[in-house]
Amino acid sequence: MAAKKNFPLRLDPKLYEVLERWAADDFRSVNSHIEYLLREAAVRAGRLPSSRSAVRKPQEPDRMTEEN
């Protein structure tokens, strides 16, 4: 696993409480939940490739070409 960048993050206490509850609902730490939310936002913004795009299903053969 690649090393992760450490940096201080200042948050409004009420926002932290929201994140804390949300992380607990998803059985995550606050830190990992913040990373998850940032990663999802970066994917939606087109700034980070989706991990799903790397794993593509094989295409099914066209039925028309199989019949002919």
PDB file of N, CA and C in Angstrom:
ATOM      1  N   MET A   1       0.845  -1.172   0.000  1.00  0.00           N
ATOM      2  CA  MET A   1       0.000   0.000   0.000  1.00  0.00           C
ATOM      3  C   MET A   1       0.896   1.242   0.000  1.00  0.00           C
ATOM      4  N   ALA A   2       0.534   2.211  -0.796  1.00  0.00           N
ATOM      5  CA  ALA A   2       1.297   3.449  -0.864  1.00  0.00           C
ATOM      6  C   ALA A   2       1.127   4.252   0.417  1.00  0.00           C
ATOM      7  N   ALA A   3       2.181   4.993   0.759  1.00  0.00           N
ATOM      8  CA  ALA A   3       2.109   5.851   1.946  1.00  0.00           C
ATOM      9  C   ALA A   3       1.078   6.951   1.707  1.00  0.00           C
ATOM     10  N   LYS A   4       0.425   7.357   2.763  1.00  0.00           N
ATOM     11  CA  LYS A   4      -0.590   8.407   2.653  1.00  0.00           C
ATOM     12  C   LYS A   4      -0.030   9.713   3.180  1.00  0.00           C
ATOM     13  N   LYS A   5      -0.495  10.796   2.615  1.00  0.00           N
ATOM     14  CA  LYS A   5      -0.081  12.136   3.011  1.00  0.00           C
ATOM     15  C   LYS A   5      -0.801  12.532   4.287  1.00  0.00           C
ATOM     16  N   ASN A   6      -0.047  12.980   5.275  1.00  0.00           N
ATOM     17  CA  ASN A   6      -0.625  13.478   6.526  1.00  0.00           C
ATOM     18  C   ASN A   6      -0.680  14.999   6.485  1.00  0.00           C
ATOM     19  N   PHE A   7      -1.791  15.570   6.929  1.00  0.00           N
ATOM     20  CA  PHE A   7      -1.893  17.024   7.032  1.00  0.00           C
ATOM     21  C   PHE A   7      -2.990  17.373   8.030  1.00  0.00           C
ATOM     22  N   PRO A   8      -2.852  18.522   8.689  1.00  0.00           N
ATOM     23  CA  PRO A   8      -3.892  18.933   9.647  1.00  0.00           C
ATOM     24  C   PRO A   8      -5.130  19.443   8.899  1.00  0.00           C
ATOM     25  N   LEU A   9      -6.275  19.184   9.463  1.00  0.00           N
ATOM     26  CA  LEU A   9      -7.531  19.627   8.864  1.00  0.00           C
ATOM     27  C   LEU A   9      -8.392  20.251   9.948  1.00  0.00           C
ATOM     28  N   ARG A  10      -8.779  21.478   9.749  1.00  0.00           N
ATOM     29  CA  ARG A  10      -9.644  22.168  10.709  1.00  0.00           C
ATOM     30  C   ARG A  10     -11.072  22.123  10.187  1.00  0.00           C
ATOM     31  N   LEU A  11     -11.970  21.657  11.035  1.00  0.00           N
ATOM     32  CA  LEU A  11     -13.381  21.560  10.667  1.00  0.00           C
ATOM     33  C   LEU A  11     -14.238  22.231  11.720  1.00  0.00           C
ATOM     34  N   ASP A  12     -15.367  22.741  11.282  1.00  0.00           N
ATOM     35  CA  ASP A  12     -16.368  23.252  12.198  1.00  0.00           C
ATOM     36  C   ASP A  12     -16.814  22.089  13.087  1.00  0.00           C
ATOM     37  N   PRO A  13     -16.935  22.296  14.387  1.00  0.00           N
ATOM     38  CA  PRO A  13     -17.329  21.203  15.286  1.00  0.00           C
ATOM     39  C   PRO A  13     -18.650  20.532  14.907  1.00  0.00           C
ATOM     40  N   LYS A  14     -19.614  21.302  14.435  1.00  0.00           N
ATOM     41  CA  LYS A  14     -20.902  20.708  14.044  1.00  0.00           C
ATOM     42  C   LYS A  14     -20.741  19.822  12.805  1.00  0.00           C
ATOM     43  N   LEU A  15     -19.912  20.254  11.867  1.00  0.00           N
ATOM     44  CA  LEU A  15     -19.644  19.433  10.691  1.00  0.00           C
ATOM     45  C   LEU A  15     -18.934  18.145  11.099  1.00  0.00           C
ATOM     46  N   TYR A  16     -17.998  18.241  12.030  1.00  0.00           N
ATOM     47  CA  TYR A  16     -17.302  17.046  12.505  1.00  0.00           C
ATOM     48  C   TYR A  16     -18.287  16.066  13.145  1.00  0.00           C
ATOM     49  N   GLU A  17     -19.234  16.575  13.914  1.00  0.00           N
ATOM     50  CA  GLU A  17     -20.241  15.707  14.537  1.00  0.00           C
ATOM     51  C   GLU A  17     -21.067  14.977  13.476  1.00  0.00           C
ATOM     52  N   VAL A  18     -21.428  15.694  12.422  1.00  0.00           N
ATOM     53  CA  VAL A  18     -22.180  15.079  11.322  1.00  0.00           C
ATOM     54  C   VAL A  18     -21.342  13.977  10.681  1.00  0.00           C
ATOM     55  N   LEU A  19     -20.077  14.279  10.399  1.00  0.00           N
ATOM     56  CA  LEU A  19     -19.189  13.290   9.790  1.00  0.00           C
ATOM     57  C   LEU A  19     -18.976  12.088  10.701  1.00  0.00           C
ATOM     58  N   GLU A  20     -18.886  12.348  11.990  1.00  0.00           N
ATOM     59  CA  GLU A  20     -18.678  11.280  12.963  1.00  0.00           C
ATOM     60  C   GLU A  20     -19.867  10.308  12.970  1.00  0.00           C
ATOM     61  N   ARG A  21     -21.076  10.853  12.974  1.00  0.00           N
ATOM     62  CA  ARG A  21     -22.277   9.999  12.948  1.00  0.00           C
ATOM     63  C   ARG A  21     -22.390   9.245  11.622  1.00  0.00           C
ATOM     64  N   TRP A  22     -22.117   9.961  10.529  1.00  0.00           N
ATOM     65  CA  TRP A  22     -22.199   9.363   9.203  1.00  0.00           C
ATOM     66  C   TRP A  22     -21.185   8.227   9.068  1.00  0.00           C
ATOM     67  N   ALA A  23     -19.971   8.461   9.521  1.00  0.00           N
ATOM     68  CA  ALA A  23     -18.933   7.426   9.466  1.00  0.00           C
ATOM     69  C   ALA A  23     -19.344   6.214  10.296  1.00  0.00           C
ATOM     70  N   ALA A  24     -19.892   6.453  11.470  1.00  0.00           N
ATOM     71  CA  ALA A  24     -20.331   5.350  12.333  1.00  0.00           C
ATOM     72  C   ALA A  24     -21.443   4.545  11.662  1.00  0.00           C
ATOM     73  N   ASP A  25     -22.344   5.217  10.966  1.00  0.00           N
ATOM     74  CA  ASP A  25     -23.419   4.522  10.248  1.00  0.00           C
ATOM     75  C   ASP A  25     -22.862   3.563   9.195  1.00  0.00           C
ATOM     76  N   ASP A  26     -21.726   3.937   8.600  1.00  0.00           N
ATOM     77  CA  ASP A  26     -21.103   3.119   7.551  1.00  0.00           C
ATOM     78  C   ASP A  26     -19.953   2.269   8.079  1.00  0.00           C
ATOM     79  N   PHE A  27     -19.810   2.198   9.415  1.00  0.00           N
ATOM     80  CA  PHE A  27     -18.752   1.411  10.061  1.00  0.00           C
ATOM     81  C   PHE A  27     -17.358   1.811   9.575  1.00  0.00           C
ATOM     82  N   ARG A  28     -17.137   3.126   9.486  1.00  0.00           N
ATOM     83  CA  ARG A  28     -15.839   3.662   9.080  1.00  0.00           C
ATOM     84  C   ARG A  28     -15.334   4.600  10.159  1.00  0.00           C
ATOM     85  N   SER A  29     -14.025   4.860  10.119  1.00  0.00           N
ATOM     86  CA  SER A  29     -13.478   5.922  10.957  1.00  0.00           C
ATOM     87  C   SER A  29     -13.804   7.247  10.272  1.00  0.00           C
ATOM     88  N   VAL A  30     -13.748   8.326  11.021  1.00  0.00           N
ATOM     89  CA  VAL A  30     -14.005   9.645  10.428  1.00  0.00           C
ATOM     90  C   VAL A  30     -12.985   9.912   9.329  1.00  0.00           C
ATOM     91  N   ASN A  31     -11.725   9.588   9.587  1.00  0.00           N
ATOM     92  CA  ASN A  31     -10.670   9.819   8.607  1.00  0.00           C
ATOM     93  C   ASN A  31     -10.941   9.060   7.303  1.00  0.00           C
ATOM     94  N   SER A  32     -11.270   7.786   7.397  1.00  0.00           N
ATOM     95  CA  SER A  32     -11.516   7.014   6.177  1.00  0.00           C
ATOM     96  C   SER A  32     -12.795   7.471   5.480  1.00  0.00           C
ATOM     97  N   HIS A  33     -13.764   7.957   6.248  1.00  0.00           N
ATOM     98  CA  HIS A  33     -14.999   8.444   5.627  1.00  0.00           C
ATOM     99  C   HIS A  33     -14.748   9.752   4.874  1.00  0.00           C
ATOM    100  N   ILE A  34     -13.938  10.623   5.434  1.00  0.00           N
ATOM    101  CA  ILE A  34     -13.582  11.861   4.729  1.00  0.00           C
ATOM    102  C   ILE A  34     -12.854  11.515   3.433  1.00  0.00           C
ATOM    103  N   GLU A  35     -11.919  10.558   3.493  1.00  0.00           N
ATOM    104  CA  GLU A  35     -11.202  10.144   2.284  1.00  0.00           C
ATOM    105  C   GLU A  35     -12.171   9.556   1.257  1.00  0.00           C
ATOM    106  N   TYR A  36     -13.122   8.747   1.709  1.00  0.00           N
ATOM    107  CA  TYR A  36     -14.133   8.166   0.822  1.00  0.00           C
ATOM    108  C   TYR A  36     -14.951   9.268   0.136  1.00  0.00           C
ATOM    109  N   LEU A  37     -15.416  10.241   0.919  1.00  0.00           N
ATOM    110  CA  LEU A  37     -16.229  11.325   0.361  1.00  0.00           C
ATOM    111  C   LEU A  37     -15.435  12.158  -0.641  1.00  0.00           C
ATOM    112  N   LEU A  38     -14.182  12.447  -0.321  1.00  0.00           N
ATOM    113  CA  LEU A  38     -13.343  13.220  -1.239  1.00  0.00           C
ATOM    114  C   LEU A  38     -13.073  12.445  -2.529  1.00  0.00           C
ATOM    115  N   ARG A  39     -12.829  11.147  -2.405  1.00  0.00           N
ATOM    116  CA  ARG A  39     -12.579  10.320  -3.590  1.00  0.00           C
ATOM    117  C   ARG A  39     -13.820  10.275  -4.485  1.00  0.00           C
ATOM    118  N   GLU A  40     -14.988  10.082  -3.893  1.00  0.00           N
ATOM    119  CA  GLU A  40     -16.231  10.058  -4.666  1.00  0.00           C
ATOM    120  C   GLU A  40     -16.469  11.396  -5.369  1.00  0.00           C
ATOM    121  N   ALA A  41     -16.206  12.492  -4.682  1.00  0.00           N
ATOM    122  CA  ALA A  41     -16.379  13.818  -5.286  1.00  0.00           C
ATOM    123  C   ALA A  41     -15.406  14.010  -6.444  1.00  0.00           C
ATOM    124  N   ALA A  42     -14.174  13.546  -6.292  1.00  0.00           N
ATOM    125  CA  ALA A  42     -13.172  13.675  -7.354  1.00  0.00           C
ATOM    126  C   ALA A  42     -13.550  12.837  -8.575  1.00  0.00           C
ATOM    127  N   VAL A  43     -14.107  11.660  -8.359  1.00  0.00           N
ATOM    128  CA  VAL A  43     -14.557  10.812  -9.473  1.00  0.00           C
ATOM    129  C   VAL A  43     -15.715  11.478 -10.198  1.00  0.00           C
ATOM    130  N   ARG A  44     -16.704  11.978  -9.444  1.00  0.00           N
ATOM    131  CA  ARG A  44     -17.864  12.646 -10.066  1.00  0.00           C
ATOM    132  C   ARG A  44     -17.447  13.884 -10.844  1.00  0.00           C
ATOM    133  N   ALA A  45     -16.407  14.576 -10.371  1.00  0.00           N
ATOM    134  CA  ALA A  45     -15.939  15.784 -11.049  1.00  0.00           C
ATOM    135  C   ALA A  45     -15.044  15.462 -12.242  1.00  0.00           C
ATOM    136  N   GLY A  46     -14.747  14.177 -12.442  1.00  0.00           N
ATOM    137  CA  GLY A  46     -13.899  13.787 -13.565  1.00  0.00           C
ATOM    138  C   GLY A  46     -12.423  14.036 -13.323  1.00  0.00           C
ATOM    139  N   ARG A  47     -12.032  14.205 -12.085  1.00  0.00           N
ATOM    140  CA  ARG A  47     -10.632  14.488 -11.763  1.00  0.00           C
ATOM    141  C   ARG A  47      -9.866  13.252 -11.327  1.00  0.00           C
ATOM    142  N   LEU A  48     -10.571  12.153 -11.134  1.00  0.00           N
ATOM    143  CA  LEU A  48      -9.958  10.898 -10.719  1.00  0.00           C
ATOM    144  C   LEU A  48     -10.697   9.785 -11.440  1.00  0.00           C
ATOM    145  N   PRO A  49      -9.960   8.889 -12.100  1.00  0.00           N
ATOM    146  CA  PRO A  49     -10.667   7.809 -12.795  1.00  0.00           C
ATOM    147  C   PRO A  49     -11.384   6.906 -11.807  1.00  0.00           C
ATOM    148  N   SER A  50     -12.538   6.447 -12.196  1.00  0.00           N
ATOM    149  CA  SER A  50     -13.329   5.551 -11.352  1.00  0.00           C
ATOM    150  C   SER A  50     -12.642   4.201 -11.275  1.00  0.00           C
ATOM    151  N   SER A  51     -12.618   3.599 -10.100  1.00  0.00           N
ATOM    152  CA  SER A  51     -12.033   2.264  -9.966  1.00  0.00           C
ATOM    153  C   SER A  51     -12.886   1.249 -10.714  1.00  0.00           C
ATOM    154  N   ARG A  52     -14.148   1.549 -10.917  1.00  0.00           N
ATOM    155  CA  ARG A  52     -15.044   0.652 -11.653  1.00  0.00           C
ATOM    156  C   ARG A  52     -14.720   0.644 -13.140  1.00  0.00           C
ATOM    157  N   SER A  53     -14.197   1.755 -13.667  1.00  0.00           N
ATOM    158  CA  SER A  53     -13.900   1.806 -15.094  1.00  0.00           C
ATOM    159  C   SER A  53     -12.724   0.903 -15.432  1.00  0.00           C
ATOM    160  N   ALA A  54     -11.864   0.595 -14.463  1.00  0.00           N
ATOM    161  CA  ALA A  54     -10.727  -0.282 -14.701  1.00  0.00           C
ATOM    162  C   ALA A  54     -11.173  -1.736 -14.827  1.00  0.00           C
ATOM    163  N   VAL A  55     -12.273  -2.079 -14.178  1.00  0.00           N
ATOM    164  CA  VAL A  55     -12.783  -3.450 -14.221  1.00  0.00           C
ATOM    165  C   VAL A  55     -14.041  -3.448 -15.078  1.00  0.00           C
ATOM    166  N   ARG A  56     -13.875  -3.810 -16.321  1.00  0.00           N
ATOM    167  CA  ARG A  56     -15.020  -3.815 -17.232  1.00  0.00           C
ATOM    168  C   ARG A  56     -15.436  -5.240 -17.534  1.00  0.00           C
ATOM    169  N   LYS A  57     -16.725  -5.413 -17.733  1.00  0.00           N
ATOM    170  CA  LYS A  57     -17.244  -6.728 -18.083  1.00  0.00           C
ATOM    171  C   LYS A  57     -16.891  -7.021 -19.537  1.00  0.00           C
ATOM    172  N   PRO A  58     -16.588  -8.281 -19.849  1.00  0.00           N
ATOM    173  CA  PRO A  58     -16.355  -8.607 -21.257  1.00  0.00           C
ATOM    174  C   PRO A  58     -17.643  -8.399 -22.046  1.00  0.00           C
ATOM    175  N   GLN A  59     -17.499  -7.896 -23.237  1.00  0.00           N
ATOM    176  CA  GLN A  59     -18.679  -7.645 -24.058  1.00  0.00           C
ATOM    177  C   GLN A  59     -19.240  -8.960 -24.572  1.00  0.00           C
ATOM    178  N   GLU A  60     -20.561  -9.032 -24.580  1.00  0.00           N
ATOM    179  CA  GLU A  60     -21.212 -10.220 -25.103  1.00  0.00           C
ATOM    180  C   GLU A  60     -21.214 -10.145 -26.622  1.00  0.00           C
ATOM    181  N   PRO A  61     -21.068 -11.298 -27.281  1.00  0.00           N
ATOM    182  CA  PRO A  61     -21.099 -11.286 -28.747  1.00  0.00           C
ATOM    183  C   PRO A  61     -22.462 -10.822 -29.251  1.00  0.00           C
ATOM    184  N   ASP A  62     -22.459 -10.183 -30.374  1.00  0.00           N
ATOM    185  CA  ASP A  62     -23.690  -9.708 -30.990  1.00  0.00           C
ATOM    186  C   ASP A  62     -24.493 -10.907 -31.486  1.00  0.00           C
ATOM    187  N   ARG A  63     -25.741 -10.994 -31.124  1.00  0.00           N
ATOM    188  CA  ARG A  63     -26.577 -12.145 -31.502  1.00  0.00           C
ATOM    189  C   ARG A  63     -26.801 -12.210 -33.011  1.00  0.00           C
ATOM    190  N   MET A  64     -26.823 -11.077 -33.663  1.00  0.00           N
ATOM    191  CA  MET A  64     -27.039 -11.072 -35.109  1.00  0.00           C
ATOM    192  C   MET A  64     -25.879 -11.766 -35.815  1.00  0.00           C
ATOM    193  N   THR A  65     -24.650 -11.549 -35.374  1.00  0.00           N
ATOM    194  CA  THR A  65     -23.511 -12.168 -36.044  1.00  0.00           C
ATOM    195  C   THR A  65     -23.433 -13.653 -35.733  1.00  0.00           C
ATOM    196  N   GLU A  66     -23.929 -14.086 -34.588  1.00  0.00           N
ATOM    197  CA  GLU A  66     -23.920 -15.506 -34.254  1.00  0.00           C
ATOM    198  C   GLU A  66     -24.910 -16.279 -35.120  1.00  0.00           C
ATOM    199  N   GLU A  67     -26.039 -15.676 -35.442  1.00  0.00           N
ATOM    200  CA  GLU A  67     -27.076 -16.367 -36.204  1.00  0.00           C
ATOM    201  C   GLU A  67     -26.705 -16.494 -37.668  1.00  0.00           C
ATOM    202  N   ASN A  68     -25.931 -15.562 -38.207  1.00  0.00           N
ATOM    203  CA  ASN A  68     -25.599 -15.569 -39.639  1.00  0.00           C
ATOM    204  C   ASN A  68     -24.426 -16.408 -39.940  1.00  0.00           C
TER     205      ASN A  68
END
